[in-house]
Amino acid sequence: MCFGNPVKKFQFLTNSTVVMAYFGSNVVIDCGTNKKGASVTLWKRVSPLLPYHYRKLKPDGNKIIKEKSGKFTINRVDKNDALSYRCKAKASGVHIQKDFSVVINNCKCMVFDFLESIYND
């Protein structure tokens, strides 16, 4: 028999794995977790040909901005921003990670809006 509050599993707050954007827009990758004070970083896959090689992105306050909530904003996305990203988080010695794909479209159309609504639900 278990008494008291159950321990919550350390996890990311969002289930989304696809982020859609238009060329020149800003995109938000939500790496927020359910643990206050977790250390959160954003990584980008170096090349489609190197599926396991990522490099850590450093927020610069201009192109990449990090919020205290663990959200990262990539400003003015272009073709170089379309690839796989990985959120990594650490809290109390526990490490978790989650992969995201950023899909960039060069036109705003009804089909794209429909796909965006499906992936973000």
Protein backbone atom coordinates (compact mmCIF):
# COMPACT_ATOMS: atom_id res chain seq x y z
CA MET A 1 0.00 0.00 0.00
CA CYS A 2 1.31 3.44 -0.94
CA PHE A 3 0.64 6.60 1.07
CA GLY A 4 1.36 10.26 0.37
CA ASN A 5 1.88 12.04 -2.90
CA PRO A 6 3.07 9.99 -5.86
CA VAL A 7 6.42 11.08 -7.32
CA LYS A 8 5.98 12.68 -10.73
CA LYS A 9 8.15 11.31 -13.50
CA PHE A 10 10.62 13.89 -14.87
CA GLN A 11 9.35 14.76 -18.35
CA PHE A 12 8.90 17.44 -20.98
CA LEU A 13 5.66 19.42 -20.87
CA THR A 14 4.75 19.09 -24.55
CA ASN A 15 4.03 15.98 -26.59
CA SER A 16 4.59 17.74 -29.93
CA THR A 17 7.51 16.49 -32.03
CA VAL A 18 6.95 18.55 -35.19
CA VAL A 19 7.24 22.32 -35.32
CA MET A 20 6.01 24.03 -38.48
CA ALA A 21 7.02 27.51 -39.61
CA TYR A 22 7.12 29.83 -42.59
CA PHE A 23 10.33 31.28 -44.03
CA GLY A 24 11.18 34.45 -42.15
CA SER A 25 8.90 33.71 -39.20
CA ASN A 26 9.93 32.91 -35.64
CA VAL A 27 9.61 29.36 -34.37
CA VAL A 28 9.32 28.21 -30.76
CA ILE A 29 10.70 24.86 -29.60
CA ASP A 30 9.28 24.04 -26.19
CA CYS A 31 11.84 22.21 -24.06
CA GLY A 32 10.03 23.03 -20.81
CA THR A 33 9.89 20.31 -18.14
CA ASN A 34 7.78 19.57 -15.09
CA LYS A 35 10.80 20.12 -12.77
CA LYS A 36 11.46 23.67 -11.67
CA GLY A 37 15.13 24.59 -12.07
CA ALA A 38 15.93 21.83 -14.57
CA SER A 39 18.93 22.51 -16.78
CA VAL A 40 17.63 22.60 -20.38
CA THR A 41 19.67 22.80 -23.60
CA LEU A 42 18.83 22.73 -27.30
CA TRP A 43 20.86 20.75 -29.83
CA LYS A 44 20.68 20.70 -33.64
CA ARG A 45 21.50 17.79 -35.90
CA VAL A 46 24.57 18.69 -37.93
CA SER A 47 23.58 16.97 -41.17
CA PRO A 48 20.89 14.68 -42.55
CA LEU A 49 23.73 12.29 -43.37
CA LEU A 50 24.89 12.15 -39.74
CA PRO A 51 21.76 11.11 -37.80
CA TYR A 52 23.45 10.85 -34.41
CA HIS A 53 25.68 13.93 -34.56
CA TYR A 54 24.23 17.01 -32.83
CA ARG A 55 25.79 20.29 -31.77
CA LYS A 56 24.69 22.38 -28.81
CA LEU A 57 23.06 25.66 -29.74
CA LYS A 58 24.00 28.69 -27.69
CA PRO A 59 21.31 31.33 -27.17
CA ASP A 60 22.71 34.64 -28.42
CA GLY A 61 19.75 36.92 -27.68
CA ASN A 62 19.36 37.59 -31.40
CA LYS A 63 18.91 34.49 -33.61
CA ILE A 64 18.27 32.09 -30.70
CA ILE A 65 16.57 33.19 -27.50
CA LYS A 66 16.01 31.02 -24.42
CA GLU A 67 13.25 31.73 -21.93
CA LYS A 68 13.34 30.69 -18.28
CA SER A 69 10.43 28.33 -19.03
CA GLY A 70 12.71 26.22 -21.25
CA LYS A 71 11.30 27.49 -24.53
CA PHE A 72 13.73 28.40 -27.30
CA THR A 73 12.80 30.88 -30.04
CA ILE A 74 14.62 30.73 -33.36
CA ASN A 75 14.09 34.08 -35.08
CA ARG A 76 13.69 34.61 -38.81
CA VAL A 77 13.92 30.95 -39.81
CA ASP A 78 15.47 30.07 -43.14
CA LYS A 79 16.39 26.86 -44.99
CA ASN A 80 19.35 26.29 -42.65
CA ASP A 81 17.00 26.02 -39.67
CA ALA A 82 14.99 23.12 -41.12
CA LEU A 83 16.34 19.96 -39.55
CA SER A 84 16.10 17.86 -36.43
CA TYR A 85 16.56 19.34 -32.99
CA ARG A 86 16.99 17.68 -29.62
CA CYS A 87 16.02 19.04 -26.24
CA LYS A 88 18.10 17.76 -23.36
CA ALA A 89 17.19 18.31 -19.73
CA LYS A 90 18.76 17.39 -16.42
CA ALA A 91 17.36 17.57 -12.89
CA SER A 92 18.45 15.75 -9.73
CA GLY A 93 20.89 13.61 -11.71
CA VAL A 94 18.21 12.41 -14.15
CA HIS A 95 18.71 13.09 -17.88
CA ILE A 96 15.93 13.15 -20.48
CA GLN A 97 15.86 14.08 -24.16
CA LYS A 98 13.30 14.63 -26.86
CA ASP A 99 13.66 15.07 -30.62
CA PHE A 100 11.82 17.67 -32.72
CA SER A 101 11.62 18.23 -36.46
CA VAL A 102 11.33 21.76 -37.79
CA VAL A 103 9.44 21.89 -41.08
CA ILE A 104 9.61 25.15 -43.02
CA ASN A 105 7.20 26.11 -45.79
CA ASN A 106 7.76 29.00 -48.15
CA CYS A 107 4.09 29.83 -48.63
CA LYS A 108 1.11 30.30 -46.36
CA CYS A 109 -1.67 28.14 -47.74
CA MET A 110 -4.71 26.23 -46.48
CA VAL A 111 -3.07 22.80 -46.77
CA PHE A 112 -0.14 23.91 -44.64
CA ASP A 113 -2.49 25.40 -42.04
CA PHE A 114 -4.37 22.09 -41.93
CA LEU A 115 -1.15 20.08 -41.42
CA GLU A 116 -0.02 22.52 -38.73
CA SER A 117 -3.28 22.03 -36.83
CA ILE A 118 -2.92 18.22 -36.97
CA TYR A 119 0.69 18.16 -35.70
CA ASN A 120 0.13 20.70 -32.92
CA ASP A 121 -2.89 18.99 -31.35
